[in-house]
Amino acid sequence: MQNLDVNETVNAWSSLAGSVFMPHTEDEYRRLVALLDGLIDEVGEDESHSLASLMEIVGVLIEKHEDDRVPELAVD
């Protein structure tokens, strides 16, 4: 297991924190969806792309927001 260099992580995160976050508003949700769309355009199906894991993380954040805020359709 690699040792976490907190100072290095803080520096790296500070450049991403404005783009990658848990959405709490519709505006933040739309910003994440736009980011995901851009990542999909760049990464496509290339799982070895350097941004593939970021694309997955953004997708999970969006999915969590939708699960928490979008009511499920009732099945008759």
C-alpha atoms as a PDB file:
ATOM      1  CA  MET A   1       0.000   0.000   0.000  1.00  0.00           C
ATOM      2  CA  GLN A   2       1.308   3.425  -0.894  1.00  0.00           C
ATOM      3  CA  ASN A   3       1.806   6.018   1.789  1.00  0.00           C
ATOM      4  CA  LEU A   4      -0.544   8.935   1.353  1.00  0.00           C
ATOM      5  CA  ASP A   5       1.304  12.213   1.082  1.00  0.00           C
ATOM      6  CA  VAL A   6      -1.340  14.535   2.498  1.00  0.00           C
ATOM      7  CA  ASN A   7       0.350  17.719   1.292  1.00  0.00           C
ATOM      8  CA  GLU A   8       0.601  16.372  -2.253  1.00  0.00           C
ATOM      9  CA  THR A   9      -3.026  15.234  -2.097  1.00  0.00           C
ATOM     10  CA  VAL A  10      -4.196  18.636  -0.849  1.00  0.00           C
ATOM     11  CA  ASN A  11      -2.395  20.339  -3.723  1.00  0.00           C
ATOM     12  CA  ALA A  12      -3.860  17.958  -6.301  1.00  0.00           C
ATOM     13  CA  TRP A  13      -7.354  18.075  -4.834  1.00  0.00           C
ATOM     14  CA  SER A  14      -7.485  21.860  -4.682  1.00  0.00           C
ATOM     15  CA  SER A  15      -7.328  21.961  -8.476  1.00  0.00           C
ATOM     16  CA  LEU A  16     -10.226  19.451  -8.781  1.00  0.00           C
ATOM     17  CA  ALA A  17     -12.503  20.399  -5.901  1.00  0.00           C
ATOM     18  CA  GLY A  18     -14.404  22.961  -7.954  1.00  0.00           C
ATOM     19  CA  SER A  19     -15.272  20.316 -10.557  1.00  0.00           C
ATOM     20  CA  VAL A  20     -15.684  17.057  -8.642  1.00  0.00           C
ATOM     21  CA  PHE A  21     -18.060  17.177  -5.680  1.00  0.00           C
ATOM     22  CA  MET A  22     -21.260  15.737  -4.256  1.00  0.00           C
ATOM     23  CA  PRO A  23     -24.057  17.754  -5.895  1.00  0.00           C
ATOM     24  CA  HIS A  24     -26.555  19.368  -3.528  1.00  0.00           C
ATOM     25  CA  THR A  25     -28.401  21.601  -5.972  1.00  0.00           C
ATOM     26  CA  GLU A  26     -29.790  21.221  -9.484  1.00  0.00           C
ATOM     27  CA  ASP A  27     -27.112  23.589 -10.779  1.00  0.00           C
ATOM     28  CA  GLU A  28     -24.347  21.451  -9.259  1.00  0.00           C
ATOM     29  CA  TYR A  29     -26.015  18.338 -10.680  1.00  0.00           C
ATOM     30  CA  ARG A  30     -26.103  19.893 -14.170  1.00  0.00           C
ATOM     31  CA  ARG A  31     -22.431  20.901 -13.853  1.00  0.00           C
ATOM     32  CA  LEU A  32     -21.493  17.305 -13.029  1.00  0.00           C
ATOM     33  CA  VAL A  33     -23.561  15.960 -15.924  1.00  0.00           C
ATOM     34  CA  ALA A  34     -21.764  18.374 -18.266  1.00  0.00           C
ATOM     35  CA  LEU A  35     -18.417  17.213 -16.878  1.00  0.00           C
ATOM     36  CA  LEU A  36     -19.409  13.585 -17.372  1.00  0.00           C
ATOM     37  CA  ASP A  37     -20.498  14.302 -20.951  1.00  0.00           C
ATOM     38  CA  GLY A  38     -17.093  15.831 -21.668  1.00  0.00           C
ATOM     39  CA  LEU A  39     -15.296  12.895 -20.077  1.00  0.00           C
ATOM     40  CA  ILE A  40     -17.363  10.431 -22.106  1.00  0.00           C
ATOM     41  CA  ASP A  41     -16.450  12.320 -25.285  1.00  0.00           C
ATOM     42  CA  GLU A  42     -12.762  12.149 -24.342  1.00  0.00           C
ATOM     43  CA  VAL A  43     -12.534   8.657 -22.837  1.00  0.00           C
ATOM     44  CA  GLY A  44     -15.150   6.760 -24.817  1.00  0.00           C
ATOM     45  CA  GLU A  45     -14.859   3.021 -24.160  1.00  0.00           C
ATOM     46  CA  ASP A  46     -11.111   3.131 -23.406  1.00  0.00           C
ATOM     47  CA  GLU A  47     -10.892   1.674 -19.896  1.00  0.00           C
ATOM     48  CA  SER A  48      -7.127   2.247 -19.873  1.00  0.00           C
ATOM     49  CA  HIS A  49      -7.523   5.996 -20.509  1.00  0.00           C
ATOM     50  CA  SER A  50      -5.990   8.091 -17.730  1.00  0.00           C
ATOM     51  CA  LEU A  51      -9.364   9.779 -17.096  1.00  0.00           C
ATOM     52  CA  ALA A  52     -11.455   6.584 -17.047  1.00  0.00           C
ATOM     53  CA  SER A  53     -11.510   6.327 -13.248  1.00  0.00           C
ATOM     54  CA  LEU A  54     -12.478  10.005 -12.929  1.00  0.00           C
ATOM     55  CA  MET A  55     -15.318   9.374 -15.374  1.00  0.00           C
ATOM     56  CA  GLU A  56     -16.478   6.473 -13.206  1.00  0.00           C
ATOM     57  CA  ILE A  57     -16.326   8.548 -10.013  1.00  0.00           C
ATOM     58  CA  VAL A  58     -18.323  11.395 -11.556  1.00  0.00           C
ATOM     59  CA  GLY A  59     -20.874   8.848 -12.762  1.00  0.00           C
ATOM     60  CA  VAL A  60     -21.234   7.453  -9.237  1.00  0.00           C
ATOM     61  CA  LEU A  61     -21.759  10.960  -7.813  1.00  0.00           C
ATOM     62  CA  ILE A  62     -24.487  11.613 -10.383  1.00  0.00           C
ATOM     63  CA  GLU A  63     -26.120   8.238  -9.751  1.00  0.00           C
ATOM     64  CA  LYS A  64     -26.149   8.855  -5.983  1.00  0.00           C
ATOM     65  CA  HIS A  65     -27.792  12.258  -6.499  1.00  0.00           C
ATOM     66  CA  GLU A  66     -30.422  10.730  -8.769  1.00  0.00           C
ATOM     67  CA  ASP A  67     -31.099   7.865  -6.344  1.00  0.00           C
ATOM     68  CA  ASP A  68     -31.586  10.329  -3.489  1.00  0.00           C
ATOM     69  CA  ARG A  69     -33.641  12.950  -5.328  1.00  0.00           C
ATOM     70  CA  VAL A  70     -35.485  11.402  -8.250  1.00  0.00           C
ATOM     71  CA  PRO A  71     -38.557   9.402  -7.258  1.00  0.00           C
ATOM     72  CA  GLU A  72     -38.837   5.936  -8.752  1.00  0.00           C
ATOM     73  CA  LEU A  73     -41.713   5.227 -11.074  1.00  0.00           C
ATOM     74  CA  ALA A  74     -44.358   2.959  -9.577  1.00  0.00           C
ATOM     75  CA  VAL A  75     -44.860  -0.273 -11.481  1.00  0.00           C
ATOM     76  CA  ASP A  76     -48.496  -1.364 -11.745  1.00  0.00           C
END
